[in-house]
Amino acid sequence: MPKEKELAVVRSMKKRVEEISSMVAMGWKNDECIVASRVSPDRAVEMADKLAAIKTAIAHMERELRNVSAQAKIVMAG
């Protein structure tokens, strides 16, 4: 059984995922990346590097979540 502290982390992560999704959506208008057209070149590189690191972490988390889902389906089918 998960501990309350672990459940709080999951709830917080779910909230953060929604916030990030909204933030990314707000960065676009008419298929144009608003941020890219309004940020300084130096800041653009820094932001791109941070996004690349986030992308790697998100891809890893996505794989783990999909594995959990697949394992649950196997258990339920068995």
PDB file of N, CA and C in Angstrom:
ATOM      1  N   MET A   1       0.852  -1.188   0.000  1.00  0.00           N
ATOM      2  CA  MET A   1       0.000   0.000   0.000  1.00  0.00           C
ATOM      3  C   MET A   1       0.893   1.245   0.000  1.00  0.00           C
ATOM      4  N   PRO A   2       0.632   2.187  -0.900  1.00  0.00           N
ATOM      5  CA  PRO A   2       1.447   3.407  -0.946  1.00  0.00           C
ATOM      6  C   PRO A   2       1.283   4.248   0.316  1.00  0.00           C
ATOM      7  N   LYS A   3       2.372   4.888   0.701  1.00  0.00           N
ATOM      8  CA  LYS A   3       2.339   5.775   1.862  1.00  0.00           C
ATOM      9  C   LYS A   3       1.764   7.120   1.442  1.00  0.00           C
ATOM     10  N   GLU A   4       1.231   7.858   2.420  1.00  0.00           N
ATOM     11  CA  GLU A   4       0.625   9.159   2.135  1.00  0.00           C
ATOM     12  C   GLU A   4       1.627  10.097   1.471  1.00  0.00           C
ATOM     13  N   LYS A   5       2.882  10.059   1.896  1.00  0.00           N
ATOM     14  CA  LYS A   5       3.901  10.923   1.299  1.00  0.00           C
ATOM     15  C   LYS A   5       4.088  10.591  -0.188  1.00  0.00           C
ATOM     16  N   GLU A   6       4.075   9.301  -0.520  1.00  0.00           N
ATOM     17  CA  GLU A   6       4.211   8.883  -1.918  1.00  0.00           C
ATOM     18  C   GLU A   6       3.005   9.330  -2.734  1.00  0.00           C
ATOM     19  N   LEU A   7       1.816   9.205  -2.166  1.00  0.00           N
ATOM     20  CA  LEU A   7       0.598   9.648  -2.853  1.00  0.00           C
ATOM     21  C   LEU A   7       0.627  11.157  -3.087  1.00  0.00           C
ATOM     22  N   ALA A   8       1.158  11.900  -2.126  1.00  0.00           N
ATOM     23  CA  ALA A   8       1.269  13.347  -2.276  1.00  0.00           C
ATOM     24  C   ALA A   8       2.211  13.687  -3.435  1.00  0.00           C
ATOM     25  N   VAL A   9       3.281  12.928  -3.582  1.00  0.00           N
ATOM     26  CA  VAL A   9       4.213  13.148  -4.686  1.00  0.00           C
ATOM     27  C   VAL A   9       3.514  12.893  -6.019  1.00  0.00           C
ATOM     28  N   VAL A  10       2.725  11.834  -6.084  1.00  0.00           N
ATOM     29  CA  VAL A  10       2.001  11.513  -7.318  1.00  0.00           C
ATOM     30  C   VAL A  10       0.990  12.616  -7.642  1.00  0.00           C
ATOM     31  N   ARG A  11       0.261  13.068  -6.640  1.00  0.00           N
ATOM     32  CA  ARG A  11      -0.710  14.160  -6.869  1.00  0.00           C
ATOM     33  C   ARG A  11       0.000  15.425  -7.358  1.00  0.00           C
ATOM     34  N   SER A  12       1.121  15.723  -6.748  1.00  0.00           N
ATOM     35  CA  SER A  12       1.885  16.903  -7.155  1.00  0.00           C
ATOM     36  C   SER A  12       2.390  16.759  -8.586  1.00  0.00           C
ATOM     37  N   MET A  13       2.865  15.575  -8.930  1.00  0.00           N
ATOM     38  CA  MET A  13       3.367  15.346 -10.284  1.00  0.00           C
ATOM     39  C   MET A  13       2.238  15.486 -11.302  1.00  0.00           C
ATOM     40  N   LYS A  14       1.072  14.941 -10.989  1.00  0.00           N
ATOM     41  CA  LYS A  14      -0.060  15.071 -11.904  1.00  0.00           C
ATOM     42  C   LYS A  14      -0.396  16.543 -12.136  1.00  0.00           C
ATOM     43  N   LYS A  15      -0.376  17.334 -11.067  1.00  0.00           N
ATOM     44  CA  LYS A  15      -0.664  18.765 -11.179  1.00  0.00           C
ATOM     45  C   LYS A  15       0.398  19.442 -12.041  1.00  0.00           C
ATOM     46  N   ARG A  16       1.656  19.110 -11.825  1.00  0.00           N
ATOM     47  CA  ARG A  16       2.750  19.715 -12.590  1.00  0.00           C
ATOM     48  C   ARG A  16       2.665  19.354 -14.070  1.00  0.00           C
ATOM     49  N   VAL A  17       2.297  18.127 -14.375  1.00  0.00           N
ATOM     50  CA  VAL A  17       2.160  17.707 -15.775  1.00  0.00           C
ATOM     51  C   VAL A  17       1.088  18.561 -16.460  1.00  0.00           C
ATOM     52  N   GLU A  18      -0.019  18.786 -15.783  1.00  0.00           N
ATOM     53  CA  GLU A  18      -1.077  19.636 -16.344  1.00  0.00           C
ATOM     54  C   GLU A  18      -0.586  21.068 -16.535  1.00  0.00           C
ATOM     55  N   GLU A  19       0.148  21.592 -15.562  1.00  0.00           N
ATOM     56  CA  GLU A  19       0.674  22.954 -15.668  1.00  0.00           C
ATOM     57  C   GLU A  19       1.649  23.072 -16.838  1.00  0.00           C
ATOM     58  N   ILE A  20       2.529  22.103 -16.986  1.00  0.00           N
ATOM     59  CA  ILE A  20       3.508  22.127 -18.076  1.00  0.00           C
ATOM     60  C   ILE A  20       2.805  22.024 -19.418  1.00  0.00           C
ATOM     61  N   SER A  21       1.806  21.178 -19.499  1.00  0.00           N
ATOM     62  CA  SER A  21       1.047  21.035 -20.734  1.00  0.00           C
ATOM     63  C   SER A  21       0.406  22.365 -21.133  1.00  0.00           C
ATOM     64  N   SER A  22      -0.178  23.054 -20.173  1.00  0.00           N
ATOM     65  CA  SER A  22      -0.788  24.357 -20.441  1.00  0.00           C
ATOM     66  C   SER A  22       0.264  25.380 -20.849  1.00  0.00           C
ATOM     67  N   MET A  23       1.400  25.373 -20.155  1.00  0.00           N
ATOM     68  CA  MET A  23       2.460  26.324 -20.446  1.00  0.00           C
ATOM     69  C   MET A  23       2.979  26.140 -21.873  1.00  0.00           C
ATOM     70  N   VAL A  24       3.176  24.908 -22.274  1.00  0.00           N
ATOM     71  CA  VAL A  24       3.667  24.633 -23.623  1.00  0.00           C
ATOM     72  C   VAL A  24       2.637  25.077 -24.653  1.00  0.00           C
ATOM     73  N   ALA A  25       1.379  24.797 -24.398  1.00  0.00           N
ATOM     74  CA  ALA A  25       0.319  25.193 -25.331  1.00  0.00           C
ATOM     75  C   ALA A  25       0.266  26.712 -25.481  1.00  0.00           C
ATOM     76  N   MET A  26       0.513  27.449 -24.418  1.00  0.00           N
ATOM     77  CA  MET A  26       0.468  28.918 -24.475  1.00  0.00           C
ATOM     78  C   MET A  26       1.650  29.490 -25.263  1.00  0.00           C
ATOM     79  N   GLY A  27       2.684  28.713 -25.465  1.00  0.00           N
ATOM     80  CA  GLY A  27       3.860  29.178 -26.200  1.00  0.00           C
ATOM     81  C   GLY A  27       3.677  29.182 -27.705  1.00  0.00           C
ATOM     82  N   TRP A  28       2.502  28.766 -28.165  1.00  0.00           N
ATOM     83  CA  TRP A  28       2.221  28.679 -29.605  1.00  0.00           C
ATOM     84  C   TRP A  28       1.014  29.514 -29.958  1.00  0.00           C
ATOM     85  N   LYS A  29       1.058  30.136 -31.141  1.00  0.00           N
ATOM     86  CA  LYS A  29      -0.093  30.862 -31.661  1.00  0.00           C
ATOM     87  C   LYS A  29      -0.053  30.731 -33.176  1.00  0.00           C
ATOM     88  N   ASN A  30      -1.133  30.202 -33.729  1.00  0.00           N
ATOM     89  CA  ASN A  30      -1.218  29.992 -35.181  1.00  0.00           C
ATOM     90  C   ASN A  30      -0.012  29.214 -35.712  1.00  0.00           C
ATOM     91  N   ASP A  31       0.328  28.147 -35.019  1.00  0.00           N
ATOM     92  CA  ASP A  31       1.451  27.277 -35.374  1.00  0.00           C
ATOM     93  C   ASP A  31       2.808  27.977 -35.341  1.00  0.00           C
ATOM     94  N   GLU A  32       2.895  29.116 -34.675  1.00  0.00           N
ATOM     95  CA  GLU A  32       4.169  29.820 -34.523  1.00  0.00           C
ATOM     96  C   GLU A  32       4.593  29.745 -33.061  1.00  0.00           C
ATOM     97  N   CYS A  33       5.855  29.411 -32.839  1.00  0.00           N
ATOM     98  CA  CYS A  33       6.393  29.373 -31.479  1.00  0.00           C
ATOM     99  C   CYS A  33       6.658  30.804 -31.028  1.00  0.00           C
ATOM    100  N   ILE A  34       5.761  31.321 -30.218  1.00  0.00           N
ATOM    101  CA  ILE A  34       5.857  32.696 -29.749  1.00  0.00           C
ATOM    102  C   ILE A  34       7.177  32.937 -29.016  1.00  0.00           C
ATOM    103  N   VAL A  35       7.569  31.996 -28.193  1.00  0.00           N
ATOM    104  CA  VAL A  35       8.793  32.140 -27.404  1.00  0.00           C
ATOM    105  C   VAL A  35      10.008  32.298 -28.313  1.00  0.00           C
ATOM    106  N   ALA A  36      10.108  31.481 -29.344  1.00  0.00           N
ATOM    107  CA  ALA A  36      11.265  31.524 -30.230  1.00  0.00           C
ATOM    108  C   ALA A  36      11.403  32.860 -30.935  1.00  0.00           C
ATOM    109  N   SER A  37      10.301  33.499 -31.202  1.00  0.00           N
ATOM    110  CA  SER A  37      10.373  34.766 -31.927  1.00  0.00           C
ATOM    111  C   SER A  37      10.581  35.976 -31.011  1.00  0.00           C
ATOM    112  N   ARG A  38      10.561  35.745 -29.694  1.00  0.00           N
ATOM    113  CA  ARG A  38      10.645  36.884 -28.780  1.00  0.00           C
ATOM    114  C   ARG A  38      11.752  36.779 -27.732  1.00  0.00           C
ATOM    115  N   VAL A  39      12.556  35.755 -27.774  1.00  0.00           N
ATOM    116  CA  VAL A  39      13.602  35.579 -26.766  1.00  0.00           C
ATOM    117  C   VAL A  39      14.967  35.898 -27.383  1.00  0.00           C
ATOM    118  N   SER A  40      15.888  36.374 -26.541  1.00  0.00           N
ATOM    119  CA  SER A  40      17.228  36.689 -27.046  1.00  0.00           C
ATOM    120  C   SER A  40      17.941  35.391 -27.445  1.00  0.00           C
ATOM    121  N   PRO A  41      18.868  35.470 -28.394  1.00  0.00           N
ATOM    122  CA  PRO A  41      19.577  34.261 -28.838  1.00  0.00           C
ATOM    123  C   PRO A  41      20.294  33.530 -27.698  1.00  0.00           C
ATOM    124  N   ASP A  42      20.911  34.272 -26.776  1.00  0.00           N
ATOM    125  CA  ASP A  42      21.593  33.623 -25.644  1.00  0.00           C
ATOM    126  C   ASP A  42      20.605  32.876 -24.758  1.00  0.00           C
ATOM    127  N   ARG A  43      19.516  33.498 -24.476  1.00  0.00           N
ATOM    128  CA  ARG A  43      18.480  32.870 -23.643  1.00  0.00           C
ATOM    129  C   ARG A  43      17.839  31.698 -24.388  1.00  0.00           C
ATOM    130  N   ALA A  44      17.741  31.793 -25.700  1.00  0.00           N
ATOM    131  CA  ALA A  44      17.156  30.715 -26.494  1.00  0.00           C
ATOM    132  C   ALA A  44      17.974  29.433 -26.355  1.00  0.00           C
ATOM    133  N   VAL A  45      19.295  29.547 -26.389  1.00  0.00           N
ATOM    134  CA  VAL A  45      20.150  28.364 -26.240  1.00  0.00           C
ATOM    135  C   VAL A  45      19.971  27.745 -24.861  1.00  0.00           C
ATOM    136  N   GLU A  46      19.949  28.583 -23.842  1.00  0.00           N
ATOM    137  CA  GLU A  46      19.756  28.099 -22.474  1.00  0.00           C
ATOM    138  C   GLU A  46      18.409  27.382 -22.327  1.00  0.00           C
ATOM    139  N   MET A  47      17.363  27.986 -22.859  1.00  0.00           N
ATOM    140  CA  MET A  47      16.033  27.378 -22.783  1.00  0.00           C
ATOM    141  C   MET A  47      15.979  26.068 -23.571  1.00  0.00           C
ATOM    142  N   ALA A  48      16.605  26.051 -24.740  1.00  0.00           N
ATOM    143  CA  ALA A  48      16.623  24.838 -25.561  1.00  0.00           C
ATOM    144  C   ALA A  48      17.347  23.712 -24.835  1.00  0.00           C
ATOM    145  N   ASP A  49      18.457  24.030 -24.168  1.00  0.00           N
ATOM    146  CA  ASP A  49      19.198  23.009 -23.410  1.00  0.00           C
ATOM    147  C   ASP A  49      18.358  22.452 -22.260  1.00  0.00           C
ATOM    148  N   LYS A  50      17.663  23.334 -21.557  1.00  0.00           N
ATOM    149  CA  LYS A  50      16.810  22.882 -20.458  1.00  0.00           C
ATOM    150  C   LYS A  50      15.670  22.013 -20.987  1.00  0.00           C
ATOM    151  N   LEU A  51      15.082  22.427 -22.107  1.00  0.00           N
ATOM    152  CA  LEU A  51      14.006  21.631 -22.699  1.00  0.00           C
ATOM    153  C   LEU A  51      14.503  20.257 -23.134  1.00  0.00           C
ATOM    154  N   ALA A  52      15.729  20.185 -23.656  1.00  0.00           N
ATOM    155  CA  ALA A  52      16.297  18.893 -24.055  1.00  0.00           C
ATOM    156  C   ALA A  52      16.449  17.977 -22.847  1.00  0.00           C
ATOM    157  N   ALA A  53      16.901  18.520 -21.719  1.00  0.00           N
ATOM    158  CA  ALA A  53      17.040  17.715 -20.502  1.00  0.00           C
ATOM    159  C   ALA A  53      15.667  17.267 -19.994  1.00  0.00           C
ATOM    160  N   ILE A  54      14.698  18.168 -20.047  1.00  0.00           N
ATOM    161  CA  ILE A  54      13.335  17.822 -19.630  1.00  0.00           C
ATOM    162  C   ILE A  54      12.768  16.744 -20.545  1.00  0.00           C
ATOM    163  N   LYS A  55      13.017  16.888 -21.834  1.00  0.00           N
ATOM    164  CA  LYS A  55      12.519  15.908 -22.810  1.00  0.00           C
ATOM    165  C   LYS A  55      13.042  14.508 -22.502  1.00  0.00           C
ATOM    166  N   THR A  56      14.310  14.408 -22.164  1.00  0.00           N
ATOM    167  CA  THR A  56      14.908  13.119 -21.826  1.00  0.00           C
ATOM    168  C   THR A  56      14.250  12.528 -20.577  1.00  0.00           C
ATOM    169  N   ALA A  57      14.082  13.367 -19.557  1.00  0.00           N
ATOM    170  CA  ALA A  57      13.467  12.893 -18.314  1.00  0.00           C
ATOM    171  C   ALA A  57      12.013  12.490 -18.537  1.00  0.00           C
ATOM    172  N   ILE A  58      11.291  13.260 -19.333  1.00  0.00           N
ATOM    173  CA  ILE A  58       9.887  12.950 -19.609  1.00  0.00           C
ATOM    174  C   ILE A  58       9.772  11.654 -20.406  1.00  0.00           C
ATOM    175  N   ALA A  59      10.658  11.448 -21.370  1.00  0.00           N
ATOM    176  CA  ALA A  59      10.623  10.204 -22.155  1.00  0.00           C
ATOM    177  C   ALA A  59      10.847   9.004 -21.247  1.00  0.00           C
ATOM    178  N   HIS A  60      11.768   9.130 -20.302  1.00  0.00           N
ATOM    179  CA  HIS A  60      12.029   8.031 -19.368  1.00  0.00           C
ATOM    180  C   HIS A  60      10.803   7.787 -18.482  1.00  0.00           C
ATOM    181  N   MET A  61      10.216   8.860 -17.975  1.00  0.00           N
ATOM    182  CA  MET A  61       9.029   8.718 -17.135  1.00  0.00           C
ATOM    183  C   MET A  61       7.876   8.118 -17.930  1.00  0.00           C
ATOM    184  N   GLU A  62       7.719   8.535 -19.164  1.00  0.00           N
ATOM    185  CA  GLU A  62       6.659   7.990 -20.015  1.00  0.00           C
ATOM    186  C   GLU A  62       6.826   6.478 -20.183  1.00  0.00           C
ATOM    187  N   ARG A  63       8.057   6.040 -20.474  1.00  0.00           N
ATOM    188  CA  ARG A  63       8.294   4.593 -20.622  1.00  0.00           C
ATOM    189  C   ARG A  63       7.930   3.842 -19.350  1.00  0.00           C
ATOM    190  N   GLU A  64       8.322   4.380 -18.200  1.00  0.00           N
ATOM    191  CA  GLU A  64       8.016   3.726 -16.922  1.00  0.00           C
ATOM    192  C   GLU A  64       6.510   3.649 -16.687  1.00  0.00           C
ATOM    193  N   LEU A  65       5.801   4.728 -16.969  1.00  0.00           N
ATOM    194  CA  LEU A  65       4.353   4.734 -16.783  1.00  0.00           C
ATOM    195  C   LEU A  65       3.659   3.755 -17.733  1.00  0.00           C
ATOM    196  N   ARG A  66       4.141   3.694 -18.965  1.00  0.00           N
ATOM    197  CA  ARG A  66       3.558   2.739 -19.922  1.00  0.00           C
ATOM    198  C   ARG A  66       3.834   1.298 -19.485  1.00  0.00           C
ATOM    199  N   ASN A  67       5.014   1.048 -18.920  1.00  0.00           N
ATOM    200  CA  ASN A  67       5.333  -0.287 -18.405  1.00  0.00           C
ATOM    201  C   ASN A  67       4.400  -0.674 -17.265  1.00  0.00           C
ATOM    202  N   VAL A  68       4.148   0.267 -16.362  1.00  0.00           N
ATOM    203  CA  VAL A  68       3.239   0.009 -15.244  1.00  0.00           C
ATOM    204  C   VAL A  68       1.846  -0.324 -15.773  1.00  0.00           C
ATOM    205  N   SER A  69       1.407   0.449 -16.749  1.00  0.00           N
ATOM    206  CA  SER A  69       0.087   0.213 -17.334  1.00  0.00           C
ATOM    207  C   SER A  69       0.015  -1.155 -18.003  1.00  0.00           C
ATOM    208  N   ALA A  70       1.044  -1.499 -18.766  1.00  0.00           N
ATOM    209  CA  ALA A  70       1.063  -2.791 -19.462  1.00  0.00           C
ATOM    210  C   ALA A  70       1.091  -3.946 -18.461  1.00  0.00           C
ATOM    211  N   GLN A  71       1.877  -3.800 -17.400  1.00  0.00           N
ATOM    212  CA  GLN A  71       1.944  -4.863 -16.383  1.00  0.00           C
ATOM    213  C   GLN A  71       0.600  -5.037 -15.689  1.00  0.00           C
ATOM    214  N   ALA A  72      -0.087  -3.943 -15.441  1.00  0.00           N
ATOM    215  CA  ALA A  72      -1.402  -4.027 -14.800  1.00  0.00           C
ATOM    216  C   ALA A  72      -2.398  -4.744 -15.689  1.00  0.00           C
ATOM    217  N   LYS A  73      -2.335  -4.481 -16.991  1.00  0.00           N
ATOM    218  CA  LYS A  73      -3.230  -5.145 -17.927  1.00  0.00           C
ATOM    219  C   LYS A  73      -2.955  -6.644 -17.991  1.00  0.00           C
ATOM    220  N   ILE A  74      -1.688  -7.016 -17.908  1.00  0.00           N
ATOM    221  CA  ILE A  74      -1.327  -8.442 -17.921  1.00  0.00           C
ATOM    222  C   ILE A  74      -1.866  -9.121 -16.682  1.00  0.00           C
ATOM    223  N   VAL A  75      -1.717  -8.485 -15.528  1.00  0.00           N
ATOM    224  CA  VAL A  75      -2.213  -9.049 -14.272  1.00  0.00           C
ATOM    225  C   VAL A  75      -3.727  -9.185 -14.306  1.00  0.00           C
ATOM    226  N   MET A  76      -4.406  -8.188 -14.834  1.00  0.00           N
ATOM    227  CA  MET A  76      -5.864  -8.219 -14.891  1.00  0.00           C
ATOM    228  C   MET A  76      -6.356  -9.275 -15.864  1.00  0.00           C
ATOM    229  N   ALA A  77      -5.610  -9.512 -16.948  1.00  0.00           N
ATOM    230  CA  ALA A  77      -6.009 -10.494 -17.943  1.00  0.00           C
ATOM    231  C   ALA A  77      -5.719 -11.917 -17.452  1.00  0.00           C
ATOM    232  N   GLY A  78      -4.734 -12.046 -16.589  1.00  0.00           N
ATOM    233  CA  GLY A  78      -4.300 -13.370 -16.128  1.00  0.00           C
ATOM    234  C   GLY A  78      -5.132 -13.891 -15.077  1.00  0.00           C
TER     235      GLY A  78
END
